[in-house]
Amino acid sequence: MLDFSNSSKAIYLQIADDICDKVLTGDFAPDERILSVREYAAQVEVNVNTVMRAYDYLSGLEIIYNKRGLGFFTASDARQKVIELRRRELLGDSARNFFRQLDLLDITPARLAEMYQQYLDNNEQTNK
């Protein structure tokens, strides 16, 4: 279940992030039906209107679409759309703030590259 208490982000955006994560991990395949608004609301224990807002948001981004009478489905290119969205988010204000902190803390590009490589190495071992 999602834990909404650890984020300042709106709940509907956290739900949208969860769905996007599932698209990226392959839990939701292209053109696959996802939970109905009511099913999702019951699963994460939130108001149906909150889930509908998340679905409307994702529909607006063309990550999911509604087949009238059948429910919501992931777009055939949902994975690429999520990647583009996340890249825009990451390279926007988050990146500027991140780089500012690196500069303030005197973390060099070489040290950052070393830390990133350690992360990749640890992640690779974890996924084996």
Foldseek 3Di string as FASTA:
>chain_A
DDDPPPDPDDPLVVVLVVVLVCDQVVVAAAFRADDALVRVCVVVVHDSVSPVVSVVVCVVLQQWDADVPPHIGGHNCNNVSSVVVVVCVCPPPVVVVVVVVCVVVVPDPVNVVVVVVVVVVVVVVVVD
